[in-house]
Amino acid sequence: CGLFQGVADLRRRNWDRFPCDASDIHAIVVTHAH
């Protein structure tokens, strides 16, 4: 569940609407802490 970094076009994607309702996601698996 990572953050976009780098050029402005990528960073702006952090503000986009998520493609499904966040409440419909049952679990998130995080591989590491970056």
PDB file of all heavy atoms in Angstrom:
ATOM      1  N   CYS A   1       0.863  -1.182   0.000  1.00  0.00           N
ATOM      2  CA  CYS A   1       0.000   0.000   0.000  1.00  0.00           C
ATOM      3  C   CYS A   1       0.900   1.232   0.000  1.00  0.00           C
ATOM      4  O   CYS A   1       0.949   1.995   0.947  1.00  0.00           O
ATOM      5  CB  CYS A   1      -0.910  -0.036   1.239  1.00  0.00           C
ATOM      6  SG  CYS A   1      -2.245   1.173   1.227  1.00  0.00           S
ATOM      7  N   GLY A   2       1.650   1.373  -1.112  1.00  0.00           N
ATOM      8  CA  GLY A   2       2.734   2.347  -1.145  1.00  0.00           C
ATOM      9  C   GLY A   2       2.346   3.710  -1.646  1.00  0.00           C
ATOM     10  O   GLY A   2       1.339   3.898  -2.345  1.00  0.00           O
ATOM     11  N   LEU A   3       3.189   4.663  -1.320  1.00  0.00           N
ATOM     12  CA  LEU A   3       3.034   6.051  -1.736  1.00  0.00           C
ATOM     13  C   LEU A   3       3.809   6.266  -3.038  1.00  0.00           C
ATOM     14  O   LEU A   3       4.905   5.730  -3.209  1.00  0.00           O
ATOM     15  CB  LEU A   3       3.593   6.965  -0.648  1.00  0.00           C
ATOM     16  CG  LEU A   3       3.020   8.374  -0.485  1.00  0.00           C
ATOM     17  CD1 LEU A   3       1.548   8.318  -0.132  1.00  0.00           C
ATOM     18  CD2 LEU A   3       3.798   9.123   0.596  1.00  0.00           C
ATOM     19  N   PHE A   4       3.231   7.027  -3.954  1.00  0.00           N
ATOM     20  CA  PHE A   4       3.965   7.432  -5.153  1.00  0.00           C
ATOM     21  C   PHE A   4       4.925   8.556  -4.790  1.00  0.00           C
ATOM     22  O   PHE A   4       4.573   9.491  -4.061  1.00  0.00           O
ATOM     23  CB  PHE A   4       3.001   7.917  -6.239  1.00  0.00           C
ATOM     24  CG  PHE A   4       2.231   6.815  -6.909  1.00  0.00           C
ATOM     25  CD1 PHE A   4       0.891   6.602  -6.603  1.00  0.00           C
ATOM     26  CD2 PHE A   4       2.841   5.998  -7.843  1.00  0.00           C
ATOM     27  CE1 PHE A   4       0.179   5.589  -7.223  1.00  0.00           C
ATOM     28  CE2 PHE A   4       2.129   4.976  -8.469  1.00  0.00           C
ATOM     29  CZ  PHE A   4       0.803   4.771  -8.154  1.00  0.00           C
ATOM     30  N   GLN A   5       6.144   8.466  -5.325  1.00  0.00           N
ATOM     31  CA  GLN A   5       7.163   9.486  -5.094  1.00  0.00           C
ATOM     32  C   GLN A   5       7.791   9.869  -6.428  1.00  0.00           C
ATOM     33  O   GLN A   5       7.544   9.237  -7.449  1.00  0.00           O
ATOM     34  CB  GLN A   5       8.240   8.947  -4.146  1.00  0.00           C
ATOM     35  CG  GLN A   5       7.724   8.536  -2.776  1.00  0.00           C
ATOM     36  CD  GLN A   5       8.749   7.728  -2.014  1.00  0.00           C
ATOM     37  OE1 GLN A   5       8.896   6.529  -2.225  1.00  0.00           O
ATOM     38  NE2 GLN A   5       9.476   8.387  -1.122  1.00  0.00           N
ATOM     39  N   GLY A   6       8.618  10.910  -6.410  1.00  0.00           N
ATOM     40  CA  GLY A   6       9.347  11.285  -7.619  1.00  0.00           C
ATOM     41  C   GLY A   6       8.704  12.451  -8.336  1.00  0.00           C
ATOM     42  O   GLY A   6       8.359  13.467  -7.717  1.00  0.00           O
ATOM     43  N   VAL A   7       8.521  12.331  -9.651  1.00  0.00           N
ATOM     44  CA  VAL A   7       8.037  13.442 -10.465  1.00  0.00           C
ATOM     45  C   VAL A   7       6.611  13.815 -10.059  1.00  0.00           C
ATOM     46  O   VAL A   7       5.869  13.005  -9.499  1.00  0.00           O
ATOM     47  CB  VAL A   7       8.088  13.093 -11.973  1.00  0.00           C
ATOM     48  CG1 VAL A   7       9.520  12.868 -12.418  1.00  0.00           C
ATOM     49  CG2 VAL A   7       7.249  11.861 -12.281  1.00  0.00           C
ATOM     50  N   ALA A   8       6.229  15.043 -10.394  1.00  0.00           N
ATOM     51  CA  ALA A   8       4.936  15.579  -9.952  1.00  0.00           C
ATOM     52  C   ALA A   8       3.761  14.739 -10.427  1.00  0.00           C
ATOM     53  O   ALA A   8       2.781  14.548  -9.697  1.00  0.00           O
ATOM     54  CB  ALA A   8       4.791  17.025 -10.422  1.00  0.00           C
ATOM     55  N   ASP A   9       3.841  14.233 -11.665  1.00  0.00           N
ATOM     56  CA  ASP A   9       2.729  13.433 -12.186  1.00  0.00           C
ATOM     57  C   ASP A   9       2.506  12.187 -11.333  1.00  0.00           C
ATOM     58  O   ASP A   9       1.354  11.753 -11.137  1.00  0.00           O
ATOM     59  CB  ASP A   9       3.007  13.022 -13.633  1.00  0.00           C
ATOM     60  CG  ASP A   9       2.775  14.161 -14.608  1.00  0.00           C
ATOM     61  OD1 ASP A   9       2.183  15.185 -14.194  1.00  0.00           O
ATOM     62  OD2 ASP A   9       3.187  14.039 -15.779  1.00  0.00           O
ATOM     63  N   LEU A  10       3.579  11.587 -10.843  1.00  0.00           N
ATOM     64  CA  LEU A  10       3.432  10.430  -9.959  1.00  0.00           C
ATOM     65  C   LEU A  10       2.874  10.843  -8.606  1.00  0.00           C
ATOM     66  O   LEU A  10       1.957  10.203  -8.074  1.00  0.00           O
ATOM     67  CB  LEU A  10       4.779   9.728  -9.777  1.00  0.00           C
ATOM     68  CG  LEU A  10       5.244   8.810 -10.904  1.00  0.00           C
ATOM     69  CD1 LEU A  10       6.651   8.304 -10.635  1.00  0.00           C
ATOM     70  CD2 LEU A  10       4.287   7.632 -11.073  1.00  0.00           C
ATOM     71  N   ARG A  11       3.410  11.901  -8.036  1.00  0.00           N
ATOM     72  CA  ARG A  11       2.959  12.332  -6.697  1.00  0.00           C
ATOM     73  C   ARG A  11       1.476  12.690  -6.706  1.00  0.00           C
ATOM     74  O   ARG A  11       0.774  12.441  -5.727  1.00  0.00           O
ATOM     75  CB  ARG A  11       3.791  13.518  -6.206  1.00  0.00           C
ATOM     76  CG  ARG A  11       5.268  13.211  -6.021  1.00  0.00           C
ATOM     77  CD  ARG A  11       5.947  14.263  -5.156  1.00  0.00           C
ATOM     78  NE  ARG A  11       5.696  15.613  -5.602  1.00  0.00           N
ATOM     79  CZ  ARG A  11       6.436  16.269  -6.506  1.00  0.00           C
ATOM     80  NH1 ARG A  11       7.459  15.649  -7.091  1.00  0.00           N
ATOM     81  NH2 ARG A  11       6.166  17.519  -6.837  1.00  0.00           N
ATOM     82  N   ARG A  12       1.014  13.260  -7.802  1.00  0.00           N
ATOM     83  CA  ARG A  12      -0.407  13.634  -7.888  1.00  0.00           C
ATOM     84  C   ARG A  12      -1.310  12.403  -7.820  1.00  0.00           C
ATOM     85  O   ARG A  12      -2.471  12.505  -7.413  1.00  0.00           O
ATOM     86  CB  ARG A  12      -0.666  14.435  -9.168  1.00  0.00           C
ATOM     87  CG  ARG A  12      -0.304  15.907  -9.052  1.00  0.00           C
ATOM     88  CD  ARG A  12      -0.867  16.709 -10.204  1.00  0.00           C
ATOM     89  NE  ARG A  12      -0.133  16.473 -11.430  1.00  0.00           N
ATOM     90  CZ  ARG A  12       0.902  17.203 -11.835  1.00  0.00           C
ATOM     91  NH1 ARG A  12       1.339  18.218 -11.096  1.00  0.00           N
ATOM     92  NH2 ARG A  12       1.521  16.929 -12.983  1.00  0.00           N
ATOM     93  N   ARG A  13      -0.791  11.245  -8.203  1.00  0.00           N
ATOM     94  CA  ARG A  13      -1.610  10.032  -8.169  1.00  0.00           C
ATOM     95  C   ARG A  13      -1.991   9.644  -6.738  1.00  0.00           C
ATOM     96  O   ARG A  13      -2.963   8.901  -6.533  1.00  0.00           O
ATOM     97  CB  ARG A  13      -0.879   8.880  -8.860  1.00  0.00           C
ATOM     98  CG  ARG A  13      -0.757   9.065 -10.362  1.00  0.00           C
ATOM     99  CD  ARG A  13       0.001   7.927 -11.030  1.00  0.00           C
ATOM    100  NE  ARG A  13      -0.686   6.653 -10.882  1.00  0.00           N
ATOM    101  CZ  ARG A  13      -0.223   5.507 -11.358  1.00  0.00           C
ATOM    102  NH1 ARG A  13       0.937   5.492 -12.019  1.00  0.00           N
ATOM    103  NH2 ARG A  13      -0.896   4.386 -11.187  1.00  0.00           N
ATOM    104  N   ASN A  14      -1.239  10.120  -5.753  1.00  0.00           N
ATOM    105  CA  ASN A  14      -1.599   9.844  -4.359  1.00  0.00           C
ATOM    106  C   ASN A  14      -2.947  10.452  -3.990  1.00  0.00           C
ATOM    107  O   ASN A  14      -3.581  10.017  -3.019  1.00  0.00           O
ATOM    108  CB  ASN A  14      -0.516  10.390  -3.415  1.00  0.00           C
ATOM    109  CG  ASN A  14       0.803   9.663  -3.551  1.00  0.00           C
ATOM    110  OD1 ASN A  14       0.834   8.439  -3.666  1.00  0.00           O
ATOM    111  ND2 ASN A  14       1.896  10.412  -3.540  1.00  0.00           N
ATOM    112  N   TRP A  15      -3.378  11.467  -4.744  1.00  0.00           N
ATOM    113  CA  TRP A  15      -4.633  12.151  -4.448  1.00  0.00           C
ATOM    114  C   TRP A  15      -5.805  11.582  -5.240  1.00  0.00           C
ATOM    115  O   TRP A  15      -6.949  11.981  -5.046  1.00  0.00           O
ATOM    116  CB  TRP A  15      -4.489  13.651  -4.743  1.00  0.00           C
ATOM    117  CG  TRP A  15      -3.502  14.311  -3.835  1.00  0.00           C
ATOM    118  CD1 TRP A  15      -2.168  14.454  -4.044  1.00  0.00           C
ATOM    119  CD2 TRP A  15      -3.772  14.896  -2.564  1.00  0.00           C
ATOM    120  NE1 TRP A  15      -1.582  15.093  -2.980  1.00  0.00           N
ATOM    121  CE2 TRP A  15      -2.541  15.379  -2.054  1.00  0.00           C
ATOM    122  CE3 TRP A  15      -4.926  15.053  -1.794  1.00  0.00           C
ATOM    123  CZ2 TRP A  15      -2.436  16.014  -0.821  1.00  0.00           C
ATOM    124  CZ3 TRP A  15      -4.823  15.688  -0.569  1.00  0.00           C
ATOM    125  CH2 TRP A  15      -3.591  16.159  -0.100  1.00  0.00           C
ATOM    126  N   ASP A  16      -5.530  10.656  -6.168  1.00  0.00           N
ATOM    127  CA  ASP A  16      -6.602  10.075  -6.976  1.00  0.00           C
ATOM    128  C   ASP A  16      -7.555   9.256  -6.102  1.00  0.00           C
ATOM    129  O   ASP A  16      -7.157   8.697  -5.076  1.00  0.00           O
ATOM    130  CB  ASP A  16      -6.026   9.169  -8.072  1.00  0.00           C
ATOM    131  CG  ASP A  16      -5.291   9.940  -9.144  1.00  0.00           C
ATOM    132  OD1 ASP A  16      -5.408  11.184  -9.166  1.00  0.00           O
ATOM    133  OD2 ASP A  16      -4.589   9.299  -9.953  1.00  0.00           O
ATOM    134  N   ARG A  17      -8.787   9.161  -6.573  1.00  0.00           N
ATOM    135  CA  ARG A  17      -9.763   8.311  -5.886  1.00  0.00           C
ATOM    136  C   ARG A  17      -9.325   6.849  -5.988  1.00  0.00           C
ATOM    137  O   ARG A  17      -8.939   6.380  -7.066  1.00  0.00           O
ATOM    138  CB  ARG A  17     -11.137   8.500  -6.530  1.00  0.00           C
ATOM    139  CG  ARG A  17     -12.253   7.665  -5.903  1.00  0.00           C
ATOM    140  CD  ARG A  17     -13.519   7.780  -6.754  1.00  0.00           C
ATOM    141  NE  ARG A  17     -14.560   6.889  -6.233  1.00  0.00           N
ATOM    142  CZ  ARG A  17     -15.509   7.270  -5.394  1.00  0.00           C
ATOM    143  NH1 ARG A  17     -15.557   8.521  -4.993  1.00  0.00           N
ATOM    144  NH2 ARG A  17     -16.403   6.405  -4.972  1.00  0.00           N
ATOM    145  N   PHE A  18      -9.381   6.135  -4.862  1.00  0.00           N
ATOM    146  CA  PHE A  18      -9.001   4.727  -4.884  1.00  0.00           C
ATOM    147  C   PHE A  18     -10.036   3.952  -5.698  1.00  0.00           C
ATOM    148  O   PHE A  18     -11.236   4.239  -5.626  1.00  0.00           O
ATOM    149  CB  PHE A  18      -8.914   4.172  -3.456  1.00  0.00           C
ATOM    150  CG  PHE A  18      -8.087   2.921  -3.344  1.00  0.00           C
ATOM    151  CD1 PHE A  18      -6.710   2.986  -3.396  1.00  0.00           C
ATOM    152  CD2 PHE A  18      -8.693   1.684  -3.209  1.00  0.00           C
ATOM    153  CE1 PHE A  18      -5.930   1.843  -3.306  1.00  0.00           C
ATOM    154  CE2 PHE A  18      -7.937   0.524  -3.121  1.00  0.00           C
ATOM    155  CZ  PHE A  18      -6.542   0.610  -3.173  1.00  0.00           C
ATOM    156  N   PRO A  19      -9.605   2.952  -6.509  1.00  0.00           N
ATOM    157  CA  PRO A  19     -10.523   2.310  -7.446  1.00  0.00           C
ATOM    158  C   PRO A  19     -11.623   1.448  -6.838  1.00  0.00           C
ATOM    159  O   PRO A  19     -12.508   0.989  -7.554  1.00  0.00           O
ATOM    160  CB  PRO A  19      -9.616   1.445  -8.326  1.00  0.00           C
ATOM    161  CG  PRO A  19      -8.262   1.572  -7.794  1.00  0.00           C
ATOM    162  CD  PRO A  19      -8.231   2.538  -6.695  1.00  0.00           C
ATOM    163  N   CYS A  20     -11.574   1.189  -5.535  1.00  0.00           N
ATOM    164  CA  CYS A  20     -12.697   0.509  -4.882  1.00  0.00           C
ATOM    165  C   CYS A  20     -12.903   1.146  -3.513  1.00  0.00           C
ATOM    166  O   CYS A  20     -12.050   1.899  -3.048  1.00  0.00           O
ATOM    167  CB  CYS A  20     -12.445  -0.999  -4.751  1.00  0.00           C
ATOM    168  SG  CYS A  20     -11.243  -1.463  -3.489  1.00  0.00           S
ATOM    169  N   ASP A  21     -14.022   0.857  -2.877  1.00  0.00           N
ATOM    170  CA  ASP A  21     -14.261   1.396  -1.545  1.00  0.00           C
ATOM    171  C   ASP A  21     -13.249   0.798  -0.569  1.00  0.00           C
ATOM    172  O   ASP A  21     -13.098  -0.433  -0.492  1.00  0.00           O
ATOM    173  CB  ASP A  21     -15.678   1.065  -1.077  1.00  0.00           C
ATOM    174  CG  ASP A  21     -16.728   1.895  -1.802  1.00  0.00           C
ATOM    175  OD1 ASP A  21     -16.363   2.945  -2.366  1.00  0.00           O
ATOM    176  OD2 ASP A  21     -17.903   1.478  -1.811  1.00  0.00           O
ATOM    177  N   ALA A  22     -12.573   1.671   0.157  1.00  0.00           N
ATOM    178  CA  ALA A  22     -11.568   1.190   1.109  1.00  0.00           C
ATOM    179  C   ALA A  22     -12.185   0.248   2.133  1.00  0.00           C
ATOM    180  O   ALA A  22     -11.535  -0.693   2.597  1.00  0.00           O
ATOM    181  CB  ALA A  22     -10.911   2.381   1.808  1.00  0.00           C
ATOM    182  N   SER A  23     -13.447   0.466   2.468  1.00  0.00           N
ATOM    183  CA  SER A  23     -14.113  -0.372   3.467  1.00  0.00           C
ATOM    184  C   SER A  23     -14.367  -1.792   2.961  1.00  0.00           C
ATOM    185  O   SER A  23     -14.648  -2.691   3.747  1.00  0.00           O
ATOM    186  CB  SER A  23     -15.445   0.264   3.885  1.00  0.00           C
ATOM    187  OG  SER A  23     -16.293   0.424   2.765  1.00  0.00           O
ATOM    188  N   ASP A  24     -14.257  -2.005   1.645  1.00  0.00           N
ATOM    189  CA  ASP A  24     -14.481  -3.335   1.077  1.00  0.00           C
ATOM    190  C   ASP A  24     -13.227  -4.207   1.087  1.00  0.00           C
ATOM    191  O   ASP A  24     -13.293  -5.382   0.741  1.00  0.00           O
ATOM    192  CB  ASP A  24     -14.983  -3.210  -0.371  1.00  0.00           C
ATOM    193  CG  ASP A  24     -16.409  -2.679  -0.445  1.00  0.00           C
ATOM    194  OD1 ASP A  24     -17.115  -2.745   0.575  1.00  0.00           O
ATOM    195  OD2 ASP A  24     -16.803  -2.183  -1.524  1.00  0.00           O
ATOM    196  N   ILE A  25     -12.091  -3.626   1.448  1.00  0.00           N
ATOM    197  CA  ILE A  25     -10.846  -4.400   1.501  1.00  0.00           C
ATOM    198  C   ILE A  25     -10.779  -5.095   2.861  1.00  0.00           C
ATOM    199  O   ILE A  25     -10.868  -4.453   3.905  1.00  0.00           O
ATOM    200  CB  ILE A  25      -9.622  -3.490   1.285  1.00  0.00           C
ATOM    201  CG1 ILE A  25      -9.693  -2.836  -0.095  1.00  0.00           C
ATOM    202  CG2 ILE A  25      -8.324  -4.283   1.432  1.00  0.00           C
ATOM    203  CD1 ILE A  25      -8.625  -1.804  -0.342  1.00  0.00           C
ATOM    204  N   HIS A  26     -10.613  -6.399   2.848  1.00  0.00           N
ATOM    205  CA  HIS A  26     -10.644  -7.166   4.093  1.00  0.00           C
ATOM    206  C   HIS A  26      -9.294  -7.176   4.809  1.00  0.00           C
ATOM    207  O   HIS A  26      -9.249  -7.248   6.040  1.00  0.00           O
ATOM    208  CB  HIS A  26     -11.085  -8.606   3.810  1.00  0.00           C
ATOM    209  CG  HIS A  26     -12.447  -8.698   3.206  1.00  0.00           C
ATOM    210  ND1 HIS A  26     -12.668  -9.001   1.876  1.00  0.00           N
ATOM    211  CD2 HIS A  26     -13.676  -8.501   3.748  1.00  0.00           C
ATOM    212  CE1 HIS A  26     -13.959  -8.986   1.641  1.00  0.00           C
ATOM    213  NE2 HIS A  26     -14.596  -8.694   2.747  1.00  0.00           N
ATOM    214  N   ALA A  27      -8.202  -7.138   4.056  1.00  0.00           N
ATOM    215  CA  ALA A  27      -6.879  -7.189   4.677  1.00  0.00           C
ATOM    216  C   ALA A  27      -5.858  -6.574   3.736  1.00  0.00           C
ATOM    217  O   ALA A  27      -6.040  -6.562   2.507  1.00  0.00           O
ATOM    218  CB  ALA A  27      -6.485  -8.639   5.000  1.00  0.00           C
ATOM    219  N   ILE A  28      -4.783  -6.062   4.325  1.00  0.00           N
ATOM    220  CA  ILE A  28      -3.642  -5.555   3.564  1.00  0.00           C
ATOM    221  C   ILE A  28      -2.407  -6.321   4.025  1.00  0.00           C
ATOM    222  O   ILE A  28      -2.148  -6.429   5.234  1.00  0.00           O
ATOM    223  CB  ILE A  28      -3.431  -4.046   3.781  1.00  0.00           C
ATOM    224  CG1 ILE A  28      -4.682  -3.260   3.380  1.00  0.00           C
ATOM    225  CG2 ILE A  28      -2.215  -3.558   2.989  1.00  0.00           C
ATOM    226  CD1 ILE A  28      -4.610  -1.772   3.720  1.00  0.00           C
ATOM    227  N   VAL A  29      -1.669  -6.854   3.071  1.00  0.00           N
ATOM    228  CA  VAL A  29      -0.396  -7.507   3.362  1.00  0.00           C
ATOM    229  C   VAL A  29       0.719  -6.528   3.006  1.00  0.00           C
ATOM    230  O   VAL A  29       0.782  -6.045   1.865  1.00  0.00           O
ATOM    231  CB  VAL A  29      -0.233  -8.809   2.541  1.00  0.00           C
ATOM    232  CG1 VAL A  29       1.125  -9.450   2.817  1.00  0.00           C
ATOM    233  CG2 VAL A  29      -1.364  -9.784   2.862  1.00  0.00           C
ATOM    234  N   VAL A  30       1.577  -6.209   3.967  1.00  0.00           N
ATOM    235  CA  VAL A  30       2.688  -5.283   3.737  1.00  0.00           C
ATOM    236  C   VAL A  30       3.991  -6.067   3.761  1.00  0.00           C
ATOM    237  O   VAL A  30       4.331  -6.685   4.771  1.00  0.00           O
ATOM    238  CB  VAL A  30       2.708  -4.164   4.794  1.00  0.00           C
ATOM    239  CG1 VAL A  30       3.913  -3.246   4.585  1.00  0.00           C
ATOM    240  CG2 VAL A  30       1.422  -3.344   4.735  1.00  0.00           C
ATOM    241  N   THR A  31       4.730  -6.031   2.641  1.00  0.00           N
ATOM    242  CA  THR A  31       5.950  -6.834   2.544  1.00  0.00           C
ATOM    243  C   THR A  31       7.099  -6.232   3.333  1.00  0.00           C
ATOM    244  O   THR A  31       7.926  -6.968   3.876  1.00  0.00           O
ATOM    245  CB  THR A  31       6.381  -7.017   1.081  1.00  0.00           C
ATOM    246  OG1 THR A  31       6.608  -5.717   0.486  1.00  0.00           O
ATOM    247  CG2 THR A  31       5.325  -7.770   0.290  1.00  0.00           C
ATOM    248  N   HIS A  32       7.161  -4.893   3.412  1.00  0.00           N
ATOM    249  CA  HIS A  32       8.236  -4.269   4.196  1.00  0.00           C
ATOM    250  C   HIS A  32       7.933  -2.796   4.390  1.00  0.00           C
ATOM    251  O   HIS A  32       6.936  -2.277   3.874  1.00  0.00           O
ATOM    252  CB  HIS A  32       9.597  -4.490   3.544  1.00  0.00           C
ATOM    253  CG  HIS A  32       9.785  -3.793   2.231  1.00  0.00           C
ATOM    254  ND1 HIS A  32       9.200  -4.232   1.068  1.00  0.00           N
ATOM    255  CD2 HIS A  32      10.503  -2.694   1.896  1.00  0.00           C
ATOM    256  CE1 HIS A  32       9.549  -3.434   0.076  1.00  0.00           C
ATOM    257  NE2 HIS A  32      10.330  -2.491   0.548  1.00  0.00           N
ATOM    258  N   ALA A  33       8.815  -2.121   5.119  1.00  0.00           N
ATOM    259  CA  ALA A  33       8.478  -0.819   5.684  1.00  0.00           C
ATOM    260  C   ALA A  33       8.983   0.382   4.900  1.00  0.00           C
ATOM    261  O   ALA A  33       9.057   1.474   5.452  1.00  0.00           O
ATOM    262  CB  ALA A  33       9.015  -0.737   7.124  1.00  0.00           C
ATOM    263  N   HIS A  34       9.330   0.230   3.638  1.00  0.00           N
ATOM    264  CA  HIS A  34       9.688   1.414   2.871  1.00  0.00           C
ATOM    265  C   HIS A  34       8.428   2.145   2.413  1.00  0.00           C
ATOM    266  O   HIS A  34       7.399   1.536   2.137  1.00  0.00           O
ATOM    267  CB  HIS A  34      10.567   1.035   1.682  1.00  0.00           C
ATOM    268  CG  HIS A  34      12.014   0.854   2.040  1.00  0.00           C
ATOM    269  ND1 HIS A  34      12.836  -0.054   1.417  1.00  0.00           N
ATOM    270  CD2 HIS A  34      12.779   1.479   2.974  1.00  0.00           C
ATOM    271  CE1 HIS A  34      14.049   0.019   1.944  1.00  0.00           C
ATOM    272  NE2 HIS A  34      14.037   0.933   2.895  1.00  0.00           N
TER     273      HIS A  34
END
